């Protein structure tokens, strides 16, 4: 992703800042940059947020596998700088989440919701950040909380499917960049909304667009990808 982001920044005609994808002294990089784009790891996020805050620079957080404490850190940073955090920076996925929210809001609980995601064999977290993003969109559409309605990893005698739940299934293998499908299933009919990622460059392109959007005079606060698209 570091190499993909560097290429996307160059394609956008922006300066790489001398440190994209190279690691090293994040504080020094933040001081030299207009904005930071973080696709590192949950363990590195706190230091990257601290560097952005100390330098007073916006940051786009695309790192997945975040826990509740990471969101507390993001909220704290957003008190002083603009922060855009998302499970997926793809513009297509951003629109997909909007469509999922709309469908969930308009279809009743007799439409079951199942989210299926496929990624390369090297991915370490499941469900993917994008799958969780789509699950949150579905939950918001139904005006419920995902934590109270998510069902993951069915195995054995699980009993019948409970109405209103949102199911997740994760597939791993090969070199798949990321495929996601949200199934709405009712009696005698089904609706499926999908996004297929063919190359990681789409995530880099969206991240750069998000960073450029933050640099358009955004005040300190926490922002989302739908706002970048005006949704």
C-alpha atoms as a PDB file:
ATOM      1  CA  UNK A   1       0.000   0.000   0.000  1.00  0.00           C
ATOM      2  CA  UNK A   2       2.886   2.364   0.646  1.00  0.00           C
ATOM      3  CA  UNK A   3       4.081   1.981  -2.933  1.00  0.00           C
ATOM      4  CA  UNK A   4       0.520   2.311  -4.266  1.00  0.00           C
ATOM      5  CA  UNK A   5      -0.023   5.518  -2.287  1.00  0.00           C
ATOM      6  CA  UNK A   6       3.290   6.946  -3.504  1.00  0.00           C
ATOM      7  CA  UNK A   7       2.224   6.262  -7.096  1.00  0.00           C
ATOM      8  CA  UNK A   8      -1.222   7.790  -6.508  1.00  0.00           C
ATOM      9  CA  UNK A   9       0.311  10.924  -5.008  1.00  0.00           C
ATOM     10  CA  UNK A  10       2.618  11.257  -8.000  1.00  0.00           C
ATOM     11  CA  UNK A  11      -0.299  10.724 -10.407  1.00  0.00           C
ATOM     12  CA  UNK A  12      -2.198  13.477  -8.599  1.00  0.00           C
ATOM     13  CA  UNK A  13       0.716  15.853  -9.154  1.00  0.00           C
ATOM     14  CA  UNK A  14       1.480  16.142  -5.445  1.00  0.00           C
ATOM     15  CA  UNK A  15       4.887  16.104  -3.725  1.00  0.00           C
ATOM     16  CA  UNK A  16       5.801  12.851  -1.969  1.00  0.00           C
ATOM     17  CA  UNK A  17       7.317  14.724   0.954  1.00  0.00           C
ATOM     18  CA  UNK A  18      10.441  12.572   0.945  1.00  0.00           C
ATOM     19  CA  UNK A  19       9.005   9.823   3.085  1.00  0.00           C
ATOM     20  CA  UNK A  20       5.956   8.096   1.656  1.00  0.00           C
ATOM     21  CA  UNK A  21       6.210   4.332   2.180  1.00  0.00           C
ATOM     22  CA  UNK A  22       9.722   4.673   3.675  1.00  0.00           C
ATOM     23  CA  UNK A  23       8.947   4.611   7.391  1.00  0.00           C
ATOM     24  CA  UNK A  24      11.617   6.172   9.608  1.00  0.00           C
ATOM     25  CA  UNK A  25      11.024   9.289  11.700  1.00  0.00           C
ATOM     26  CA  UNK A  26       7.271   9.908  11.503  1.00  0.00           C
ATOM     27  CA  UNK A  27       7.505  13.168  13.476  1.00  0.00           C
ATOM     28  CA  UNK A  28      10.040  14.561  10.993  1.00  0.00           C
ATOM     29  CA  UNK A  29       7.906  13.382   8.071  1.00  0.00           C
ATOM     30  CA  UNK A  30       4.807  15.031   9.556  1.00  0.00           C
ATOM     31  CA  UNK A  31       6.659  18.327   9.905  1.00  0.00           C
ATOM     32  CA  UNK A  32       7.584  18.234   6.189  1.00  0.00           C
ATOM     33  CA  UNK A  33       4.169  17.130   4.921  1.00  0.00           C
ATOM     34  CA  UNK A  34       0.837  18.789   4.192  1.00  0.00           C
ATOM     35  CA  UNK A  35      -1.063  15.701   5.366  1.00  0.00           C
ATOM     36  CA  UNK A  36      -0.399  12.133   6.482  1.00  0.00           C
ATOM     37  CA  UNK A  37      -1.938   8.931   5.108  1.00  0.00           C
ATOM     38  CA  UNK A  38      -1.749   5.995   7.516  1.00  0.00           C
ATOM     39  CA  UNK A  39      -2.012   2.417   6.226  1.00  0.00           C
ATOM     40  CA  UNK A  40       0.307   0.936   8.830  1.00  0.00           C
ATOM     41  CA  UNK A  41      -0.917  -1.271  11.682  1.00  0.00           C
ATOM     42  CA  UNK A  42      -3.010  -0.812  14.838  1.00  0.00           C
ATOM     43  CA  UNK A  43       0.190  -0.945  16.898  1.00  0.00           C
ATOM     44  CA  UNK A  44       1.684   2.000  14.966  1.00  0.00           C
ATOM     45  CA  UNK A  45      -1.452   4.149  14.887  1.00  0.00           C
ATOM     46  CA  UNK A  46      -0.946   5.926  18.221  1.00  0.00           C
ATOM     47  CA  UNK A  47       2.514   7.200  17.264  1.00  0.00           C
ATOM     48  CA  UNK A  48       1.260   8.336  13.865  1.00  0.00           C
ATOM     49  CA  UNK A  49      -1.673  10.201  15.396  1.00  0.00           C
ATOM     50  CA  UNK A  50       0.678  11.824  17.909  1.00  0.00           C
ATOM     51  CA  UNK A  51       3.004  12.937  15.109  1.00  0.00           C
ATOM     52  CA  UNK A  52       0.152  14.419  13.082  1.00  0.00           C
ATOM     53  CA  UNK A  53      -1.272  16.201  16.132  1.00  0.00           C
ATOM     54  CA  UNK A  54       2.105  17.613  17.170  1.00  0.00           C
ATOM     55  CA  UNK A  55       2.686  18.951  13.651  1.00  0.00           C
ATOM     56  CA  UNK A  56      -0.894  20.188  13.305  1.00  0.00           C
ATOM     57  CA  UNK A  57      -1.382  18.216  10.083  1.00  0.00           C
ATOM     58  CA  UNK A  58      -4.512  16.361   8.845  1.00  0.00           C
ATOM     59  CA  UNK A  59      -4.360  12.577   8.723  1.00  0.00           C
ATOM     60  CA  UNK A  60      -6.247   9.916   6.765  1.00  0.00           C
ATOM     61  CA  UNK A  61      -6.446   6.630   8.699  1.00  0.00           C
ATOM     62  CA  UNK A  62      -7.053   3.611   6.486  1.00  0.00           C
ATOM     63  CA  UNK A  63      -5.558   1.054   8.862  1.00  0.00           C
ATOM     64  CA  UNK A  64      -7.941  -1.816   9.671  1.00  0.00           C
ATOM     65  CA  UNK A  65      -8.186  -4.198  12.620  1.00  0.00           C
ATOM     66  CA  UNK A  66      -8.785  -1.301  15.007  1.00  0.00           C
ATOM     67  CA  UNK A  67     -10.142  -1.874  18.503  1.00  0.00           C
ATOM     68  CA  UNK A  68     -12.202   0.427  20.707  1.00  0.00           C
ATOM     69  CA  UNK A  69      -9.116   2.025  22.255  1.00  0.00           C
ATOM     70  CA  UNK A  70      -7.878   3.042  18.803  1.00  0.00           C
ATOM     71  CA  UNK A  71     -11.105   4.912  18.180  1.00  0.00           C
ATOM     72  CA  UNK A  72     -10.618   6.730  21.488  1.00  0.00           C
ATOM     73  CA  UNK A  73      -7.175   7.806  20.250  1.00  0.00           C
ATOM     74  CA  UNK A  74      -8.673   8.965  16.947  1.00  0.00           C
ATOM     75  CA  UNK A  75     -11.353  10.951  18.784  1.00  0.00           C
ATOM     76  CA  UNK A  76      -8.680  12.609  20.929  1.00  0.00           C
ATOM     77  CA  UNK A  77      -6.610  13.554  17.877  1.00  0.00           C
ATOM     78  CA  UNK A  78      -9.717  14.934  16.149  1.00  0.00           C
ATOM     79  CA  UNK A  79      -9.979  17.530  18.921  1.00  0.00           C
ATOM     80  CA  UNK A  80      -6.964  19.318  17.444  1.00  0.00           C
ATOM     81  CA  UNK A  81      -6.613  18.198  13.794  1.00  0.00           C
ATOM     82  CA  UNK A  82      -8.852  16.970  10.939  1.00  0.00           C
ATOM     83  CA  UNK A  83      -8.950  13.143  10.945  1.00  0.00           C
ATOM     84  CA  UNK A  84     -10.660  10.972   8.333  1.00  0.00           C
ATOM     85  CA  UNK A  85     -10.916   7.333   9.428  1.00  0.00           C
ATOM     86  CA  UNK A  86     -12.443   4.605   7.303  1.00  0.00           C
ATOM     87  CA  UNK A  87     -12.342   0.859   6.813  1.00  0.00           C
ATOM     88  CA  UNK A  88     -12.013   1.397   3.059  1.00  0.00           C
ATOM     89  CA  UNK A  89     -10.864   4.398   1.030  1.00  0.00           C
ATOM     90  CA  UNK A  90     -12.286   3.137  -2.276  1.00  0.00           C
ATOM     91  CA  UNK A  91     -14.765   5.562  -3.796  1.00  0.00           C
ATOM     92  CA  UNK A  92     -16.766   2.601  -5.127  1.00  0.00           C
ATOM     93  CA  UNK A  93     -17.033   1.010  -1.671  1.00  0.00           C
ATOM     94  CA  UNK A  94     -18.043   4.377  -0.227  1.00  0.00           C
ATOM     95  CA  UNK A  95     -20.964   4.516  -2.644  1.00  0.00           C
ATOM     96  CA  UNK A  96     -21.755   0.839  -1.974  1.00  0.00           C
ATOM     97  CA  UNK A  97     -22.075   1.552   1.755  1.00  0.00           C
ATOM     98  CA  UNK A  98     -24.494   4.372   0.940  1.00  0.00           C
ATOM     99  CA  UNK A  99     -26.617   2.013  -1.170  1.00  0.00           C
ATOM    100  CA  UNK A 100     -26.549  -0.660   1.562  1.00  0.00           C
ATOM    101  CA  UNK A 101     -27.752   1.873   4.119  1.00  0.00           C
ATOM    102  CA  UNK A 102     -30.573   2.945   1.824  1.00  0.00           C
ATOM    103  CA  UNK A 103     -31.630  -0.649   1.082  1.00  0.00           C
ATOM    104  CA  UNK A 104     -31.566  -1.649   4.751  1.00  0.00           C
ATOM    105  CA  UNK A 105     -33.675   1.369   5.666  1.00  0.00           C
ATOM    106  CA  UNK A 106     -36.355   0.549   3.124  1.00  0.00           C
ATOM    107  CA  UNK A 107     -36.516  -3.242   3.307  1.00  0.00           C
ATOM    108  CA  UNK A 108     -38.140  -4.790   6.374  1.00  0.00           C
ATOM    109  CA  UNK A 109     -36.687  -7.279   8.851  1.00  0.00           C
ATOM    110  CA  UNK A 110     -38.097 -10.098   6.760  1.00  0.00           C
ATOM    111  CA  UNK A 111     -35.134  -9.394   4.458  1.00  0.00           C
ATOM    112  CA  UNK A 112     -32.114 -11.156   5.971  1.00  0.00           C
ATOM    113  CA  UNK A 113     -28.734  -9.443   5.560  1.00  0.00           C
ATOM    114  CA  UNK A 114     -25.543 -11.443   4.959  1.00  0.00           C
ATOM    115  CA  UNK A 115     -22.127  -9.949   4.163  1.00  0.00           C
ATOM    116  CA  UNK A 116     -19.533 -12.083   2.364  1.00  0.00           C
ATOM    117  CA  UNK A 117     -15.950 -10.911   1.851  1.00  0.00           C
ATOM    118  CA  UNK A 118     -12.946 -12.486   0.107  1.00  0.00           C
ATOM    119  CA  UNK A 119      -9.313 -11.438   0.495  1.00  0.00           C
ATOM    120  CA  UNK A 120      -5.800 -12.685  -0.261  1.00  0.00           C
ATOM    121  CA  UNK A 121      -4.236 -15.377   1.892  1.00  0.00           C
ATOM    122  CA  UNK A 122      -1.946 -12.906   3.692  1.00  0.00           C
ATOM    123  CA  UNK A 123      -4.705 -10.804   5.289  1.00  0.00           C
ATOM    124  CA  UNK A 124      -4.549 -11.177   9.074  1.00  0.00           C
ATOM    125  CA  UNK A 125      -7.865  -9.722  10.290  1.00  0.00           C
ATOM    126  CA  UNK A 126     -11.435 -10.920   9.754  1.00  0.00           C
ATOM    127  CA  UNK A 127     -14.029  -9.760   9.053  1.00  0.00           C
ATOM    128  CA  UNK A 128     -12.337  -7.139   6.923  1.00  0.00           C
ATOM    129  CA  UNK A 129     -12.609  -3.482   7.809  1.00  0.00           C
ATOM    130  CA  UNK A 130     -14.732  -3.040   4.705  1.00  0.00           C
ATOM    131  CA  UNK A 131     -17.127  -5.824   5.720  1.00  0.00           C
ATOM    132  CA  UNK A 132     -17.550  -4.162   9.104  1.00  0.00           C
ATOM    133  CA  UNK A 133     -18.065  -0.793   7.401  1.00  0.00           C
ATOM    134  CA  UNK A 134     -20.835  -2.336   5.296  1.00  0.00           C
ATOM    135  CA  UNK A 135     -22.311  -3.977   8.380  1.00  0.00           C
ATOM    136  CA  UNK A 136     -22.377  -0.616  10.142  1.00  0.00           C
ATOM    137  CA  UNK A 137     -24.136   0.862   7.109  1.00  0.00           C
ATOM    138  CA  UNK A 138     -26.782  -1.862   7.222  1.00  0.00           C
ATOM    139  CA  UNK A 139     -27.238  -1.399  10.975  1.00  0.00           C
ATOM    140  CA  UNK A 140     -27.578   2.362  10.579  1.00  0.00           C
ATOM    141  CA  UNK A 141     -30.202   1.841   7.902  1.00  0.00           C
ATOM    142  CA  UNK A 142     -32.173  -0.313  10.328  1.00  0.00           C
ATOM    143  CA  UNK A 143     -31.466   2.076  13.219  1.00  0.00           C
ATOM    144  CA  UNK A 144     -29.856  -0.628  15.353  1.00  0.00           C
ATOM    145  CA  UNK A 145     -26.340  -1.210  16.653  1.00  0.00           C
ATOM    146  CA  UNK A 146     -24.118  -3.650  14.797  1.00  0.00           C
ATOM    147  CA  UNK A 147     -22.546  -4.963  18.001  1.00  0.00           C
ATOM    148  CA  UNK A 148     -25.937  -6.182  19.218  1.00  0.00           C
ATOM    149  CA  UNK A 149     -26.962  -7.767  15.907  1.00  0.00           C
ATOM    150  CA  UNK A 150     -23.834  -9.167  14.230  1.00  0.00           C
ATOM    151  CA  UNK A 151     -23.396 -12.921  13.772  1.00  0.00           C
ATOM    152  CA  UNK A 152     -19.954 -14.257  12.828  1.00  0.00           C
ATOM    153  CA  UNK A 153     -18.390 -17.629  12.161  1.00  0.00           C
ATOM    154  CA  UNK A 154     -21.341 -20.008  12.247  1.00  0.00           C
ATOM    155  CA  UNK A 155     -20.276 -23.554  13.048  1.00  0.00           C
ATOM    156  CA  UNK A 156     -22.063 -26.655  14.280  1.00  0.00           C
ATOM    157  CA  UNK A 157     -25.708 -26.709  15.392  1.00  0.00           C
ATOM    158  CA  UNK A 158     -26.385 -22.982  15.442  1.00  0.00           C
ATOM    159  CA  UNK A 159     -30.171 -23.062  15.461  1.00  0.00           C
ATOM    160  CA  UNK A 160     -32.369 -21.078  13.131  1.00  0.00           C
ATOM    161  CA  UNK A 161     -31.396 -17.639  11.929  1.00  0.00           C
ATOM    162  CA  UNK A 162     -32.642 -14.902  14.253  1.00  0.00           C
ATOM    163  CA  UNK A 163     -34.642 -12.132  12.596  1.00  0.00           C
ATOM    164  CA  UNK A 164     -32.840  -8.823  12.304  1.00  0.00           C
ATOM    165  CA  UNK A 165     -29.324 -10.221  12.596  1.00  0.00           C
ATOM    166  CA  UNK A 166     -26.519  -9.242  10.214  1.00  0.00           C
ATOM    167  CA  UNK A 167     -24.310 -12.177   9.221  1.00  0.00           C
ATOM    168  CA  UNK A 168     -20.638 -12.155   8.222  1.00  0.00           C
ATOM    169  CA  UNK A 169     -18.589 -14.713   6.302  1.00  0.00           C
ATOM    170  CA  UNK A 170     -14.876 -14.371   5.463  1.00  0.00           C
ATOM    171  CA  UNK A 171     -13.022 -16.216   2.681  1.00  0.00           C
ATOM    172  CA  UNK A 172      -9.214 -16.184   2.351  1.00  0.00           C
ATOM    173  CA  UNK A 173      -7.028 -17.340  -0.509  1.00  0.00           C
ATOM    174  CA  UNK A 174      -4.967 -16.452  -3.527  1.00  0.00           C
ATOM    175  CA  UNK A 175      -4.164 -12.840  -4.281  1.00  0.00           C
ATOM    176  CA  UNK A 176      -7.664 -11.319  -4.143  1.00  0.00           C
ATOM    177  CA  UNK A 177      -7.396  -7.581  -3.458  1.00  0.00           C
ATOM    178  CA  UNK A 178     -10.867  -7.496  -1.906  1.00  0.00           C
ATOM    179  CA  UNK A 179     -14.364  -8.622  -2.921  1.00  0.00           C
ATOM    180  CA  UNK A 180     -17.460  -7.711  -0.905  1.00  0.00           C
ATOM    181  CA  UNK A 181     -21.101  -8.608  -1.409  1.00  0.00           C
ATOM    182  CA  UNK A 182     -24.060  -7.659   0.769  1.00  0.00           C
ATOM    183  CA  UNK A 183     -26.965 -10.055   0.271  1.00  0.00           C
ATOM    184  CA  UNK A 184     -30.536  -9.052   1.116  1.00  0.00           C
ATOM    185  CA  UNK A 185     -32.587 -12.270   1.163  1.00  0.00           C
ATOM    186  CA  UNK A 186     -36.374 -12.484   1.494  1.00  0.00           C
ATOM    187  CA  UNK A 187     -38.945 -15.129   0.658  1.00  0.00           C
ATOM    188  CA  UNK A 188     -38.782 -15.791  -3.080  1.00  0.00           C
ATOM    189  CA  UNK A 189     -36.421 -12.920  -3.942  1.00  0.00           C
ATOM    190  CA  UNK A 190     -32.871 -11.731  -3.337  1.00  0.00           C
ATOM    191  CA  UNK A 191     -30.963  -8.493  -3.838  1.00  0.00           C
ATOM    192  CA  UNK A 192     -27.149  -8.501  -3.898  1.00  0.00           C
ATOM    193  CA  UNK A 193     -24.920  -5.424  -3.924  1.00  0.00           C
ATOM    194  CA  UNK A 194     -21.252  -6.050  -4.734  1.00  0.00           C
ATOM    195  CA  UNK A 195     -17.900  -4.358  -5.120  1.00  0.00           C
ATOM    196  CA  UNK A 196     -14.872  -6.143  -6.607  1.00  0.00           C
ATOM    197  CA  UNK A 197     -11.420  -4.649  -6.133  1.00  0.00           C
ATOM    198  CA  UNK A 198      -9.021  -5.610  -8.922  1.00  0.00           C
ATOM    199  CA  UNK A 199      -6.001  -3.675  -7.674  1.00  0.00           C
ATOM    200  CA  UNK A 200      -4.912  -1.952  -4.455  1.00  0.00           C
ATOM    201  CA  UNK A 201      -4.405   1.225  -6.473  1.00  0.00           C
ATOM    202  CA  UNK A 202      -8.094   2.055  -6.000  1.00  0.00           C
ATOM    203  CA  UNK A 203      -7.576   2.353  -2.234  1.00  0.00           C
ATOM    204  CA  UNK A 204      -4.534   4.563  -2.714  1.00  0.00           C
ATOM    205  CA  UNK A 205      -6.375   6.827  -5.165  1.00  0.00           C
ATOM    206  CA  UNK A 206      -9.262   7.250  -2.747  1.00  0.00           C
ATOM    207  CA  UNK A 207      -6.909   7.938   0.162  1.00  0.00           C
ATOM    208  CA  UNK A 208      -5.140  10.696  -1.766  1.00  0.00           C
ATOM    209  CA  UNK A 209      -8.482  12.241  -2.709  1.00  0.00           C
ATOM    210  CA  UNK A 210      -9.494  12.120   0.976  1.00  0.00           C
ATOM    211  CA  UNK A 211      -6.253  13.850   1.998  1.00  0.00           C
ATOM    212  CA  UNK A 212      -6.771  16.557  -0.624  1.00  0.00           C
ATOM    213  CA  UNK A 213     -10.324  17.038   0.665  1.00  0.00           C
ATOM    214  CA  UNK A 214      -9.083  17.473   4.248  1.00  0.00           C
ATOM    215  CA  UNK A 215      -6.649  20.111   3.036  1.00  0.00           C
ATOM    216  CA  UNK A 216      -9.519  22.245   1.745  1.00  0.00           C
ATOM    217  CA  UNK A 217      -9.692  24.181   5.001  1.00  0.00           C
ATOM    218  CA  UNK A 218     -11.337  21.473   7.108  1.00  0.00           C
ATOM    219  CA  UNK A 219     -11.556  22.292  10.812  1.00  0.00           C
ATOM    220  CA  UNK A 220     -10.410  19.832  13.493  1.00  0.00           C
ATOM    221  CA  UNK A 221     -12.859  16.959  13.753  1.00  0.00           C
ATOM    222  CA  UNK A 222     -13.572  13.427  12.645  1.00  0.00           C
ATOM    223  CA  UNK A 223     -14.626  12.952   9.027  1.00  0.00           C
ATOM    224  CA  UNK A 224     -15.759  10.075   6.795  1.00  0.00           C
ATOM    225  CA  UNK A 225     -15.406   9.007   3.162  1.00  0.00           C
ATOM    226  CA  UNK A 226     -19.092   9.702   2.345  1.00  0.00           C
ATOM    227  CA  UNK A 227     -18.431  13.362   3.110  1.00  0.00           C
ATOM    228  CA  UNK A 228     -15.647  13.345   0.510  1.00  0.00           C
ATOM    229  CA  UNK A 229     -18.252  12.307  -2.090  1.00  0.00           C
ATOM    230  CA  UNK A 230     -20.852  14.716  -0.729  1.00  0.00           C
ATOM    231  CA  UNK A 231     -23.180  11.912   0.416  1.00  0.00           C
END
